[in-house]
PDB file of N, CA and C in Angstrom:
ATOM      1  N   VAL A   1     -70.917  15.873   5.272  1.00  0.00           N
ATOM      2  CA  VAL A   1     -70.741  17.036   4.423  1.00  0.00           C
ATOM      3  C   VAL A   1     -70.283  16.533   3.059  1.00  0.00           C
ATOM      4  N   ARG A   2     -71.031  16.880   2.056  1.00  0.00           N
ATOM      5  CA  ARG A   2     -70.665  16.473   0.699  1.00  0.00           C
ATOM      6  C   ARG A   2     -69.689  17.482   0.114  1.00  0.00           C
ATOM      7  N   ALA A   3     -68.556  16.986  -0.318  1.00  0.00           N
ATOM      8  CA  ALA A   3     -67.511  17.861  -0.857  1.00  0.00           C
ATOM      9  C   ALA A   3     -67.979  18.593  -2.112  1.00  0.00           C
ATOM     10  N   ASN A   4     -68.863  17.968  -2.881  1.00  0.00           N
ATOM     11  CA  ASN A   4     -69.316  18.621  -4.115  1.00  0.00           C
ATOM     12  C   ASN A   4     -70.255  19.803  -3.843  1.00  0.00           C
ATOM     13  N   LEU A   5     -70.694  19.971  -2.595  1.00  0.00           N
ATOM     14  CA  LEU A   5     -71.544  21.105  -2.246  1.00  0.00           C
ATOM     15  C   LEU A   5     -70.766  22.244  -1.585  1.00  0.00           C
ATOM     16  N   VAL A   6     -69.467  22.057  -1.427  1.00  0.00           N
ATOM     17  CA  VAL A   6     -68.623  23.101  -0.835  1.00  0.00           C
ATOM     18  C   VAL A   6     -67.798  23.718  -1.950  1.00  0.00           C
ATOM     19  N   ARG A   7     -67.867  25.038  -2.050  1.00  0.00           N
ATOM     20  CA  ARG A   7     -67.082  25.727  -3.075  1.00  0.00           C
ATOM     21  C   ARG A   7     -66.284  26.841  -2.414  1.00  0.00           C
ATOM     22  N   VAL A   8     -65.197  27.201  -3.053  1.00  0.00           N
ATOM     23  CA  VAL A   8     -64.320  28.250  -2.542  1.00  0.00           C
ATOM     24  C   VAL A   8     -64.456  29.470  -3.437  1.00  0.00           C
ATOM     25  N   ILE A   9     -64.710  30.602  -2.810  1.00  0.00           N
ATOM     26  CA  ILE A   9     -64.862  31.861  -3.537  1.00  0.00           C
ATOM     27  C   ILE A   9     -63.681  32.753  -3.186  1.00  0.00           C
ATOM     28  N   ASP A  10     -63.045  33.294  -4.211  1.00  0.00           N
ATOM     29  CA  ASP A  10     -61.952  34.236  -3.998  1.00  0.00           C
ATOM     30  C   ASP A  10     -62.532  35.626  -3.794  1.00  0.00           C
ATOM     31  N   MET A  11     -62.146  36.237  -2.684  1.00  0.00           N
ATOM     32  CA  MET A  11     -62.569  37.613  -2.397  1.00  0.00           C
ATOM     33  C   MET A  11     -61.304  38.426  -2.127  1.00  0.00           C
ATOM     34  N   GLY A  12     -60.702  38.877  -3.206  1.00  0.00           N
ATOM     35  CA  GLY A  12     -59.435  39.601  -3.074  1.00  0.00           C
ATOM     36  C   GLY A  12     -58.364  38.643  -2.589  1.00  0.00           C
ATOM     37  N   PRO A  13     -57.661  39.004  -1.532  1.00  0.00           N
ATOM     38  CA  PRO A  13     -56.603  38.125  -1.034  1.00  0.00           C
ATOM     39  C   PRO A  13     -57.137  36.972  -0.175  1.00  0.00           C
ATOM     40  N   PHE A  14     -58.425  36.952   0.081  1.00  0.00           N
ATOM     41  CA  PHE A  14     -59.000  35.938   0.955  1.00  0.00           C
ATOM     42  C   PHE A  14     -59.750  34.885   0.152  1.00  0.00           C
ATOM     43  N   LYS A  15     -59.829  33.695   0.717  1.00  0.00           N
ATOM     44  CA  LYS A  15     -60.631  32.621   0.141  1.00  0.00           C
ATOM     45  C   LYS A  15     -61.739  32.319   1.141  1.00  0.00           C
ATOM     46  N   TYR A  16     -62.943  32.228   0.635  1.00  0.00           N
ATOM     47  CA  TYR A  16     -64.117  32.050   1.475  1.00  0.00           C
ATOM     48  C   TYR A  16     -64.819  30.766   1.064  1.00  0.00           C
ATOM     49  N   LYS A  17     -65.040  29.858   2.026  1.00  0.00           N
ATOM     50  CA  LYS A  17     -65.735  28.610   1.740  1.00  0.00           C
ATOM     51  C   LYS A  17     -67.238  28.811   1.878  1.00  0.00           C
ATOM     52  N   VAL A  18     -67.966  28.355   0.874  1.00  0.00           N
ATOM     53  CA  VAL A  18     -69.427  28.407   0.898  1.00  0.00           C
ATOM     54  C   VAL A  18     -69.936  26.973   0.855  1.00  0.00           C
ATOM     55  N   ASP A  19     -70.726  26.616   1.849  1.00  0.00           N
ATOM     56  CA  ASP A  19     -71.288  25.272   1.951  1.00  0.00           C
ATOM     57  C   ASP A  19     -72.747  25.332   1.510  1.00  0.00           C
ATOM     58  N   ASP A  20     -73.004  24.887   0.293  1.00  0.00           N
ATOM     59  CA  ASP A  20     -74.361  24.940  -0.250  1.00  0.00           C
ATOM     60  C   ASP A  20     -75.294  23.898   0.374  1.00  0.00           C
ATOM     61  N   GLY A  21     -74.751  22.956   1.126  1.00  0.00           N
ATOM     62  CA  GLY A  21     -75.583  21.941   1.766  1.00  0.00           C
ATOM     63  C   GLY A  21     -75.883  22.224   3.227  1.00  0.00           C
ATOM     64  N   LEU A  22     -75.329  23.310   3.768  1.00  0.00           N
ATOM     65  CA  LEU A  22     -75.487  23.607   5.196  1.00  0.00           C
ATOM     66  C   LEU A  22     -76.947  23.782   5.595  1.00  0.00           C
ATOM     67  N   GLU A  23     -77.677  24.575   4.866  1.00  0.00           N
ATOM     68  CA  GLU A  23     -79.082  24.822   5.221  1.00  0.00           C
ATOM     69  C   GLU A  23     -79.905  23.539   5.153  1.00  0.00           C
ATOM     70  N   THR A  24     -79.585  22.671   4.203  1.00  0.00           N
ATOM     71  CA  THR A  24     -80.306  21.402   4.089  1.00  0.00           C
ATOM     72  C   THR A  24     -80.023  20.515   5.292  1.00  0.00           C
ATOM     73  N   ARG A  25     -78.757  20.465   5.714  1.00  0.00           N
ATOM     74  CA  ARG A  25     -78.404  19.662   6.889  1.00  0.00           C
ATOM     75  C   ARG A  25     -79.072  20.213   8.149  1.00  0.00           C
ATOM     76  N   LYS A  26     -79.062  21.528   8.299  1.00  0.00           N
ATOM     77  CA  LYS A  26     -79.734  22.135   9.453  1.00  0.00           C
ATOM     78  C   LYS A  26     -81.219  21.778   9.452  1.00  0.00           C
ATOM     79  N   PHE A  27     -81.833  21.890   8.290  1.00  0.00           N
ATOM     80  CA  PHE A  27     -83.255  21.587   8.174  1.00  0.00           C
ATOM     81  C   PHE A  27     -83.528  20.125   8.527  1.00  0.00           C
ATOM     82  N   ALA A  28     -82.654  19.224   8.095  1.00  0.00           N
ATOM     83  CA  ALA A  28     -82.837  17.805   8.399  1.00  0.00           C
ATOM     84  C   ALA A  28     -82.776  17.561   9.906  1.00  0.00           C
ATOM     85  N   TYR A  29     -81.785  18.149  10.576  1.00  0.00           N
ATOM     86  CA  TYR A  29     -81.679  17.994  12.031  1.00  0.00           C
ATOM     87  C   TYR A  29     -82.894  18.600  12.735  1.00  0.00           C
ATOM     88  N   GLU A  30     -83.329  19.758  12.281  1.00  0.00           N
ATOM     89  CA  GLU A  30     -84.485  20.407  12.898  1.00  0.00           C
ATOM     90  C   GLU A  30     -85.762  19.603  12.669  1.00  0.00           C
ATOM     91  N   THR A  31     -85.854  18.937  11.525  1.00  0.00           N
ATOM     92  CA  THR A  31     -87.014  18.095  11.241  1.00  0.00           C
ATOM     93  C   THR A  31     -87.061  16.908  12.191  1.00  0.00           C
ATOM     94  N   VAL A  32     -85.912  16.272  12.406  1.00  0.00           N
ATOM     95  CA  VAL A  32     -85.863  15.147  13.344  1.00  0.00           C
ATOM     96  C   VAL A  32     -86.207  15.628  14.752  1.00  0.00           C
ATOM     97  N   TYR A  33     -85.693  16.804  15.127  1.00  0.00           N
ATOM     98  CA  TYR A  33     -86.008  17.374  16.439  1.00  0.00           C
ATOM     99  C   TYR A  33     -87.519  17.576  16.587  1.00  0.00           C
ATOM    100  N   THR A  34     -88.142  18.144  15.569  1.00  0.00           N
ATOM    101  CA  THR A  34     -89.586  18.382  15.606  1.00  0.00           C
ATOM    102  C   THR A  34     -90.350  17.068  15.668  1.00  0.00           C
ATOM    103  N   LEU A  35     -89.890  16.080  14.918  1.00  0.00           N
ATOM    104  CA  LEU A  35     -90.523  14.764  14.942  1.00  0.00           C
ATOM    105  C   LEU A  35     -90.449  14.164  16.343  1.00  0.00           C
ATOM    106  N   LEU A  36     -89.270  14.232  16.961  1.00  0.00           N
ATOM    107  CA  LEU A  36     -89.116  13.711  18.318  1.00  0.00           C
ATOM    108  C   LEU A  36     -89.971  14.496  19.308  1.00  0.00           C
ATOM    109  N   ASN A  37     -90.104  15.774  19.088  1.00  0.00           N
ATOM    110  CA  ASN A  37     -90.910  16.624  19.960  1.00  0.00           C
ATOM    111  C   ASN A  37     -92.381  16.232  19.893  1.00  0.00           C
ATOM    112  N   GLY A  38     -92.823  15.784  18.738  1.00  0.00           N
ATOM    113  CA  GLY A  38     -94.223  15.419  18.557  1.00  0.00           C
ATOM    114  C   GLY A  38     -94.557  13.995  18.952  1.00  0.00           C
ATOM    115  N   LEU A  39     -93.583  13.238  19.429  1.00  0.00           N
ATOM    116  CA  LEU A  39     -93.835  11.843  19.770  1.00  0.00           C
ATOM    117  C   LEU A  39     -94.600  11.666  21.069  1.00  0.00           C
ATOM    118  N   VAL A  40     -94.593  12.674  21.913  1.00  0.00           N
ATOM    119  CA  VAL A  40     -95.278  12.553  23.196  1.00  0.00           C
ATOM    120  C   VAL A  40     -96.765  12.325  22.934  1.00  0.00           C
ATOM    121  N   GLY A  41     -97.233  11.149  23.309  1.00  0.00           N
ATOM    122  CA  GLY A  41     -98.642  10.829  23.110  1.00  0.00           C
ATOM    123  C   GLY A  41     -99.030  10.690  21.653  1.00  0.00           C
ATOM    124  N   GLY A  42     -98.047  10.456  20.786  1.00  0.00           N
ATOM    125  CA  GLY A  42     -98.317  10.398  19.360  1.00  0.00           C
ATOM    126  C   GLY A  42     -98.752   9.045  18.843  1.00  0.00           C
ATOM    127  N   GLY A  43     -98.845   8.057  19.698  1.00  0.00           N
ATOM    128  CA  GLY A  43     -99.330   6.765  19.269  1.00  0.00           C
ATOM    129  C   GLY A  43     -98.252   5.777  18.855  1.00  0.00           C
ATOM    130  N   LEU A  44     -96.992   6.174  18.853  1.00  0.00           N
ATOM    131  CA  LEU A  44     -95.926   5.228  18.546  1.00  0.00           C
ATOM    132  C   LEU A  44     -95.625   4.403  19.789  1.00  0.00           C
ATOM    133  N   ASN A  45     -95.307   3.126  19.575  1.00  0.00           N
ATOM    134  CA  ASN A  45     -94.946   2.324  20.739  1.00  0.00           C
ATOM    135  C   ASN A  45     -93.487   2.577  21.113  1.00  0.00           C
ATOM    136  N   SER A  46     -93.093   2.127  22.267  1.00  0.00           N
ATOM    137  CA  SER A  46     -91.758   2.440  22.787  1.00  0.00           C
ATOM    138  C   SER A  46     -90.646   1.853  21.922  1.00  0.00           C
ATOM    139  N   VAL A  47     -90.906   0.733  21.253  1.00  0.00           N
ATOM    140  CA  VAL A  47     -89.887   0.138  20.386  1.00  0.00           C
ATOM    141  C   VAL A  47     -89.604   1.050  19.199  1.00  0.00           C
ATOM    142  N   GLU A  48     -90.645   1.610  18.601  1.00  0.00           N
ATOM    143  CA  GLU A  48     -90.459   2.517  17.466  1.00  0.00           C
ATOM    144  C   GLU A  48     -89.735   3.793  17.887  1.00  0.00           C
ATOM    145  N   VAL A  49     -90.083   4.332  19.041  1.00  0.00           N
ATOM    146  CA  VAL A  49     -89.414   5.532  19.547  1.00  0.00           C
ATOM    147  C   VAL A  49     -87.948   5.224  19.822  1.00  0.00           C
ATOM    148  N   ASP A  50     -87.688   4.098  20.476  1.00  0.00           N
ATOM    149  CA  ASP A  50     -86.306   3.714  20.773  1.00  0.00           C
ATOM    150  C   ASP A  50     -85.495   3.529  19.497  1.00  0.00           C
ATOM    151  N   THR A  51     -86.101   2.958  18.471  1.00  0.00           N
ATOM    152  CA  THR A  51     -85.406   2.770  17.196  1.00  0.00           C
ATOM    153  C   THR A  51     -85.071   4.109  16.557  1.00  0.00           C
ATOM    154  N   LEU A  52     -86.013   5.031  16.558  1.00  0.00           N
ATOM    155  CA  LEU A  52     -85.767   6.357  15.996  1.00  0.00           C
ATOM    156  C   LEU A  52     -84.670   7.084  16.771  1.00  0.00           C
ATOM    157  N   VAL A  53     -84.733   7.035  18.088  1.00  0.00           N
ATOM    158  CA  VAL A  53     -83.712   7.692  18.913  1.00  0.00           C
ATOM    159  C   VAL A  53     -82.355   7.037  18.693  1.00  0.00           C
ATOM    160  N   ASP A  54     -82.325   5.712  18.604  1.00  0.00           N
ATOM    161  CA  ASP A  54     -81.060   5.005  18.381  1.00  0.00           C
ATOM    162  C   ASP A  54     -80.432   5.413  17.053  1.00  0.00           C
ATOM    163  N   ARG A  55     -81.213   5.456  16.004  1.00  0.00           N
ATOM    164  CA  ARG A  55     -80.682   5.857  14.691  1.00  0.00           C
ATOM    165  C   ARG A  55     -80.232   7.314  14.697  1.00  0.00           C
ATOM    166  N   THR A  56     -80.979   8.160  15.387  1.00  0.00           N
ATOM    167  CA  THR A  56     -80.604   9.572  15.484  1.00  0.00           C
ATOM    168  C   THR A  56     -79.289   9.720  16.227  1.00  0.00           C
ATOM    169  N   MET A  57     -79.159   9.052  17.358  1.00  0.00           N
ATOM    170  CA  MET A  57     -77.930   9.154  18.154  1.00  0.00           C
ATOM    171  C   MET A  57     -76.737   8.576  17.397  1.00  0.00           C
ATOM    172  N   GLU A  58     -76.948   7.489  16.686  1.00  0.00           N
ATOM    173  CA  GLU A  58     -75.857   6.900  15.898  1.00  0.00           C
ATOM    174  C   GLU A  58     -75.361   7.899  14.867  1.00  0.00           C
ATOM    175  N   HIS A  59     -76.278   8.579  14.212  1.00  0.00           N
ATOM    176  CA  HIS A  59     -75.879   9.579  13.219  1.00  0.00           C
ATOM    177  C   HIS A  59     -75.154  10.752  13.881  1.00  0.00           C
ATOM    178  N   VAL A  60     -75.644  11.192  15.021  1.00  0.00           N
ATOM    179  CA  VAL A  60     -75.011  12.323  15.710  1.00  0.00           C
ATOM    180  C   VAL A  60     -73.566  11.995  16.062  1.00  0.00           C
ATOM    181  N   VAL A  61     -73.320  10.804  16.623  1.00  0.00           N
ATOM    182  CA  VAL A  61     -71.953  10.488  17.055  1.00  0.00           C
ATOM    183  C   VAL A  61     -71.040  10.120  15.896  1.00  0.00           C
ATOM    184  N   THR A  62     -71.590   9.598  14.796  1.00  0.00           N
ATOM    185  CA  THR A  62     -70.716   9.214  13.683  1.00  0.00           C
ATOM    186  C   THR A  62     -70.533  10.317  12.652  1.00  0.00           C
ATOM    187  N   GLU A  63     -71.555  11.124  12.416  1.00  0.00           N
ATOM    188  CA  GLU A  63     -71.483  12.159  11.382  1.00  0.00           C
ATOM    189  C   GLU A  63     -71.649  13.578  11.925  1.00  0.00           C
ATOM    190  N   GLY A  64     -72.548  13.749  12.863  1.00  0.00           N
ATOM    191  CA  GLY A  64     -72.887  15.087  13.339  1.00  0.00           C
ATOM    192  C   GLY A  64     -71.720  15.855  13.922  1.00  0.00           C
ATOM    193  N   PHE A  65     -70.917  15.198  14.742  1.00  0.00           N
ATOM    194  CA  PHE A  65     -69.797  15.893  15.377  1.00  0.00           C
ATOM    195  C   PHE A  65     -68.683  16.231  14.394  1.00  0.00           C
ATOM    196  N   LYS A  66     -68.668  15.589  13.250  1.00  0.00           N
ATOM    197  CA  LYS A  66     -67.665  15.906  12.222  1.00  0.00           C
ATOM    198  C   LYS A  66     -68.056  17.149  11.425  1.00  0.00           C
ATOM    199  N   ASP A  67     -69.320  17.503  11.487  1.00  0.00           N
ATOM    200  CA  ASP A  67     -69.842  18.620  10.701  1.00  0.00           C
ATOM    201  C   ASP A  67     -69.458  19.937  11.365  1.00  0.00           C
ATOM    202  N   ASP A  68     -68.642  20.716  10.686  1.00  0.00           N
ATOM    203  CA  ASP A  68     -68.202  21.986  11.262  1.00  0.00           C
ATOM    204  C   ASP A  68     -69.007  23.166  10.733  1.00  0.00           C
ATOM    205  N   GLY A  69     -70.164  22.886  10.182  1.00  0.00           N
ATOM    206  CA  GLY A  69     -71.014  23.949   9.656  1.00  0.00           C
ATOM    207  C   GLY A  69     -71.509  24.874  10.757  1.00  0.00           C
ATOM    208  N   GLU A  70     -71.615  26.135  10.420  1.00  0.00           N
ATOM    209  CA  GLU A  70     -72.062  27.134  11.387  1.00  0.00           C
ATOM    210  C   GLU A  70     -73.497  26.849  11.818  1.00  0.00           C
ATOM    211  N   GLY A  71     -73.708  26.752  13.108  1.00  0.00           N
ATOM    212  CA  GLY A  71     -75.037  26.514  13.648  1.00  0.00           C
ATOM    213  C   GLY A  71     -75.382  25.055  13.867  1.00  0.00           C
ATOM    214  N   ILE A  72     -74.551  24.139  13.424  1.00  0.00           N
ATOM    215  CA  ILE A  72     -74.841  22.714  13.595  1.00  0.00           C
ATOM    216  C   ILE A  72     -74.674  22.266  15.053  1.00  0.00           C
ATOM    217  N   PRO A  73     -73.582  22.616  15.757  1.00  0.00           N
ATOM    218  CA  PRO A  73     -73.428  22.135  17.145  1.00  0.00           C
ATOM    219  C   PRO A  73     -74.595  22.468  18.079  1.00  0.00           C
ATOM    220  N   PRO A  74     -75.151  23.678  18.051  1.00  0.00           N
ATOM    221  CA  PRO A  74     -76.300  23.923  18.940  1.00  0.00           C
ATOM    222  C   PRO A  74     -77.514  23.055  18.602  1.00  0.00           C
ATOM    223  N   ILE A  75     -77.721  22.807  17.322  1.00  0.00           N
ATOM    224  CA  ILE A  75     -78.843  21.956  16.923  1.00  0.00           C
ATOM    225  C   ILE A  75     -78.607  20.533  17.409  1.00  0.00           C
ATOM    226  N   LEU A  76     -77.361  20.052  17.306  1.00  0.00           N
ATOM    227  CA  LEU A  76     -77.040  18.711  17.799  1.00  0.00           C
ATOM    228  C   LEU A  76     -77.298  18.611  19.296  1.00  0.00           C
ATOM    229  N   TYR A  77     -76.902  19.649  20.033  1.00  0.00           N
ATOM    230  CA  TYR A  77     -77.126  19.654  21.479  1.00  0.00           C
ATOM    231  C   TYR A  77     -78.619  19.523  21.785  1.00  0.00           C
ATOM    232  N   LEU A  78     -79.438  20.324  21.124  1.00  0.00           N
ATOM    233  CA  LEU A  78     -80.885  20.262  21.346  1.00  0.00           C
ATOM    234  C   LEU A  78     -81.449  18.897  20.966  1.00  0.00           C
ATOM    235  N   LEU A  79     -80.918  18.334  19.901  1.00  0.00           N
ATOM    236  CA  LEU A  79     -81.371  17.023  19.448  1.00  0.00           C
ATOM    237  C   LEU A  79     -81.027  15.943  20.472  1.00  0.00           C
ATOM    238  N   ILE A  80     -79.831  16.013  21.041  1.00  0.00           N
ATOM    239  CA  ILE A  80     -79.417  15.041  22.058  1.00  0.00           C
ATOM    240  C   ILE A  80     -80.300  15.163  23.300  1.00  0.00           C
ATOM    241  N   VAL A  81     -80.586  16.389  23.709  1.00  0.00           N
ATOM    242  CA  VAL A  81     -81.456  16.603  24.876  1.00  0.00           C
ATOM    243  C   VAL A  81     -82.840  16.023  24.611  1.00  0.00           C
ATOM    244  N   ARG A  82     -83.378  16.261  23.427  1.00  0.00           N
ATOM    245  CA  ARG A  82     -84.701  15.734  23.087  1.00  0.00           C
ATOM    246  C   ARG A  82     -84.679  14.206  23.065  1.00  0.00           C
ATOM    247  N   CYS A  83     -83.633  13.631  22.511  1.00  0.00           N
ATOM    248  CA  CYS A  83     -83.511  12.168  22.497  1.00  0.00           C
ATOM    249  C   CYS A  83     -83.454  11.623  23.921  1.00  0.00           C
ATOM    250  N   ALA A  84     -82.717  12.311  24.792  1.00  0.00           N
ATOM    251  CA  ALA A  84     -82.589  11.868  26.183  1.00  0.00           C
ATOM    252  C   ALA A  84     -83.931  11.919  26.907  1.00  0.00           C
ATOM    253  N   ARG A  85     -84.765  12.864  26.555  1.00  0.00           N
ATOM    254  CA  ARG A  85     -86.093  12.944  27.176  1.00  0.00           C
ATOM    255  C   ARG A  85     -87.019  11.843  26.662  1.00  0.00           C
ATOM    256  N   GLN A  86     -86.875  11.491  25.392  1.00  0.00           N
ATOM    257  CA  GLN A  86     -87.766  10.498  24.795  1.00  0.00           C
ATOM    258  C   GLN A  86     -87.356   9.067  25.142  1.00  0.00           C
ATOM    259  N   ALA A  87     -86.055   8.809  25.148  1.00  0.00           N
ATOM    260  CA  ALA A  87     -85.570   7.444  25.387  1.00  0.00           C
ATOM    261  C   ALA A  87     -84.247   7.495  26.151  1.00  0.00           C
ATOM    262  N   PRO A  88     -84.304   7.786  27.446  1.00  0.00           N
ATOM    263  CA  PRO A  88     -83.069   7.942  28.214  1.00  0.00           C
ATOM    264  C   PRO A  88     -82.197   6.688  28.223  1.00  0.00           C
ATOM    265  N   GLY A  89     -82.817   5.528  28.206  1.00  0.00           N
ATOM    266  CA  GLY A  89     -82.041   4.288  28.206  1.00  0.00           C
ATOM    267  C   GLY A  89     -81.203   4.125  26.950  1.00  0.00           C
ATOM    268  N   VAL A  90     -81.737   4.555  25.821  1.00  0.00           N
ATOM    269  CA  VAL A  90     -81.006   4.470  24.553  1.00  0.00           C
ATOM    270  C   VAL A  90     -79.842   5.454  24.556  1.00  0.00           C
ATOM    271  N   VAL A  91     -80.091   6.679  24.980  1.00  0.00           N
ATOM    272  CA  VAL A  91     -79.046   7.711  24.990  1.00  0.00           C
ATOM    273  C   VAL A  91     -77.948   7.340  25.973  1.00  0.00           C
ATOM    274  N   ASP A  92     -78.308   6.683  27.071  1.00  0.00           N
ATOM    275  CA  ASP A  92     -77.320   6.251  28.059  1.00  0.00           C
ATOM    276  C   ASP A  92     -76.245   5.376  27.417  1.00  0.00           C
ATOM    277  N   GLY A  93     -76.633   4.588  26.435  1.00  0.00           N
ATOM    278  CA  GLY A  93     -75.672   3.741  25.736  1.00  0.00           C
ATOM    279  C   GLY A  93     -74.707   4.511  24.849  1.00  0.00           C
ATOM    280  N   TYR A  94     -74.976   5.777  24.607  1.00  0.00           N
ATOM    281  CA  TYR A  94     -74.128   6.605  23.747  1.00  0.00           C
ATOM    282  C   TYR A  94     -73.269   7.602  24.515  1.00  0.00           C
ATOM    283  N   VAL A  95     -73.406   7.651  25.829  1.00  0.00           N
ATOM    284  CA  VAL A  95     -72.692   8.662  26.616  1.00  0.00           C
ATOM    285  C   VAL A  95     -71.190   8.597  26.383  1.00  0.00           C
ATOM    286  N   ASN A  96     -70.624   7.404  26.388  1.00  0.00           N
ATOM    287  CA  ASN A  96     -69.173   7.275  26.191  1.00  0.00           C
ATOM    288  C   ASN A  96     -68.736   7.739  24.811  1.00  0.00           C
ATOM    289  N   ARG A  97     -69.628   7.708  23.847  1.00  0.00           N
ATOM    290  CA  ARG A  97     -69.289   8.172  22.498  1.00  0.00           C
ATOM    291  C   ARG A  97     -69.593   9.656  22.313  1.00  0.00           C
ATOM    292  N   LEU A  98     -70.435  10.219  23.175  1.00  0.00           N
ATOM    293  CA  LEU A  98     -70.750  11.642  23.091  1.00  0.00           C
ATOM    294  C   LEU A  98     -69.614  12.504  23.632  1.00  0.00           C
ATOM    295  N   VAL A  99     -68.955  12.028  24.673  1.00  0.00           N
ATOM    296  CA  VAL A  99     -67.902  12.826  25.315  1.00  0.00           C
ATOM    297  C   VAL A  99     -66.782  13.181  24.338  1.00  0.00           C
ATOM    298  N   PRO A 100     -66.214  12.223  23.594  1.00  0.00           N
ATOM    299  CA  PRO A 100     -65.158  12.614  22.638  1.00  0.00           C
ATOM    300  C   PRO A 100     -65.666  13.568  21.557  1.00  0.00           C
ATOM    301  N   GLY A 101     -66.911  13.406  21.148  1.00  0.00           N
ATOM    302  CA  GLY A 101     -67.472  14.301  20.137  1.00  0.00           C
ATOM    303  C   GLY A 101     -67.551  15.729  20.632  1.00  0.00           C
ATOM    304  N   TYR A 102     -68.033  15.900  21.853  1.00  0.00           N
ATOM    305  CA  TYR A 102     -68.099  17.248  22.426  1.00  0.00           C
ATOM    306  C   TYR A 102     -66.709  17.792  22.717  1.00  0.00           C
ATOM    307  N   ARG A 103     -65.809  16.934  23.148  1.00  0.00           N
ATOM    308  CA  ARG A 103     -64.438  17.388  23.382  1.00  0.00           C
ATOM    309  C   ARG A 103     -63.845  17.926  22.082  1.00  0.00           C
ATOM    310  N   GLY A 104     -64.097  17.230  20.988  1.00  0.00           N
ATOM    311  CA  GLY A 104     -63.611  17.695  19.691  1.00  0.00           C
ATOM    312  C   GLY A 104     -64.192  19.042  19.303  1.00  0.00           C
ATOM    313  N   LEU A 105     -65.458  19.260  19.632  1.00  0.00           N
ATOM    314  CA  LEU A 105     -66.079  20.554  19.336  1.00  0.00           C
ATOM    315  C   LEU A 105     -65.422  21.673  20.133  1.00  0.00           C
ATOM    316  N   PHE A 106     -65.152  21.407  21.402  1.00  0.00           N
ATOM    317  CA  PHE A 106     -64.583  22.446  22.261  1.00  0.00           C
ATOM    318  C   PHE A 106     -63.108  22.695  21.989  1.00  0.00           C
ATOM    319  N   GLU A 107     -62.428  21.719  21.417  1.00  0.00           N
ATOM    320  CA  GLU A 107     -60.992  21.864  21.177  1.00  0.00           C
ATOM    321  C   GLU A 107     -60.660  22.296  19.758  1.00  0.00           C
ATOM    322  N   ARG A 108     -61.656  22.633  18.978  1.00  0.00           N
ATOM    323  CA  ARG A 108     -61.387  23.086  17.611  1.00  0.00           C
ATOM    324  C   ARG A 108     -60.526  24.334  17.637  1.00  0.00           C
ATOM    325  N   LYS A 109     -59.557  24.349  16.758  1.00  0.00           N
ATOM    326  CA  LYS A 109     -58.625  25.473  16.686  1.00  0.00           C
ATOM    327  C   LYS A 109     -59.056  26.426  15.576  1.00  0.00           C
ATOM    328  N   LEU A 110     -58.834  27.680  15.822  1.00  0.00           N
ATOM    329  CA  LEU A 110     -59.079  28.697  14.799  1.00  0.00           C
ATOM    330  C   LEU A 110     -57.883  28.763  13.865  1.00  0.00           C
ATOM    331  N   PRO A 111     -58.115  29.063  12.598  1.00  0.00           N
ATOM    332  CA  PRO A 111     -56.976  29.256  11.697  1.00  0.00           C
ATOM    333  C   PRO A 111     -56.183  30.489  12.122  1.00  0.00           C
ATOM    334  N   THR A 112     -54.908  30.501  11.793  1.00  0.00           N
ATOM    335  CA  THR A 112     -54.061  31.635  12.175  1.00  0.00           C
ATOM    336  C   THR A 112     -54.511  32.922  11.498  1.00  0.00           C
ATOM    337  N   SER A 113     -55.219  32.797  10.404  1.00  0.00           N
ATOM    338  CA  SER A 113     -55.688  33.980   9.677  1.00  0.00           C
ATOM    339  C   SER A 113     -57.104  34.393  10.090  1.00  0.00           C
ATOM    340  N   ALA A 114     -57.568  33.934  11.259  1.00  0.00           N
ATOM    341  CA  ALA A 114     -58.936  34.221  11.695  1.00  0.00           C
ATOM    342  C   ALA A 114     -59.139  35.716  11.908  1.00  0.00           C
ATOM    343  N   VAL A 115     -60.284  36.178  11.449  1.00  0.00           N
ATOM    344  CA  VAL A 115     -60.640  37.582  11.640  1.00  0.00           C
ATOM    345  C   VAL A 115     -61.407  37.724  12.959  1.00  0.00           C
ATOM    346  N   LYS A 116     -61.643  38.953  13.374  1.00  0.00           N
ATOM    347  CA  LYS A 116     -62.266  39.232  14.662  1.00  0.00           C
ATOM    348  C   LYS A 116     -63.617  38.528  14.821  1.00  0.00           C
ATOM    349  N   GLN A 117     -64.426  38.509  13.765  1.00  0.00           N
ATOM    350  CA  GLN A 117     -65.738  37.862  13.834  1.00  0.00           C
ATOM    351  C   GLN A 117     -65.604  36.368  14.101  1.00  0.00           C
ATOM    352  N   GLN A 118     -64.627  35.720  13.459  1.00  0.00           N
ATOM    353  CA  GLN A 118     -64.417  34.296  13.682  1.00  0.00           C
ATOM    354  C   GLN A 118     -63.991  34.026  15.120  1.00  0.00           C
ATOM    355  N   VAL A 119     -63.151  34.883  15.665  1.00  0.00           N
ATOM    356  CA  VAL A 119     -62.697  34.726  17.047  1.00  0.00           C
ATOM    357  C   VAL A 119     -63.881  34.844  18.001  1.00  0.00           C
ATOM    358  N   GLU A 120     -64.754  35.815  17.774  1.00  0.00           N
ATOM    359  CA  GLU A 120     -65.924  36.002  18.633  1.00  0.00           C
ATOM    360  C   GLU A 120     -66.877  34.814  18.550  1.00  0.00           C
ATOM    361  N   LYS A 121     -67.110  34.294  17.356  1.00  0.00           N
ATOM    362  CA  LYS A 121     -67.975  33.125  17.195  1.00  0.00           C
ATOM    363  C   LYS A 121     -67.382  31.917  17.899  1.00  0.00           C
ATOM    364  N   HIS A 122     -66.068  31.778  17.810  1.00  0.00           N
ATOM    365  CA  HIS A 122     -65.389  30.650  18.443  1.00  0.00           C
ATOM    366  C   HIS A 122     -65.545  30.713  19.962  1.00  0.00           C
ATOM    367  N   ARG A 123     -65.483  31.886  20.526  1.00  0.00           N
ATOM    368  CA  ARG A 123     -65.637  32.050  21.978  1.00  0.00           C
ATOM    369  C   ARG A 123     -67.040  31.693  22.441  1.00  0.00           C
ATOM    370  N   GLU A 124     -68.025  31.987  21.607  1.00  0.00           N
ATOM    371  CA  GLU A 124     -69.421  31.674  21.959  1.00  0.00           C
ATOM    372  C   GLU A 124     -69.601  30.181  22.061  1.00  0.00           C
TER     373      GLU A 124
END
């Protein structure tokens, strides 16, 4: 997440964070997902597929789980599942690093000033 793309908007007594890079990050993850989806019978050899999956998984565990943007965790989950289908041996090497990332997602705390909508989203 680039700090220069996050701005704070004052709305009366509340401050609202707007992440101008969120849609771009979502699109990037969805593009990789689509690329991995199209690899079946696509003519790439197993080394190239393994390299792509390895780089994708490395990014997910080092950067993806830190991203608290709305809608990012479900995309990461789908991306991990797709990677596991394409190169299970590569993803197997990341299992120990995936668990803390998911634990961090599930243990995120809501701010004390959370409104009803935020509470409902957090429960989902």
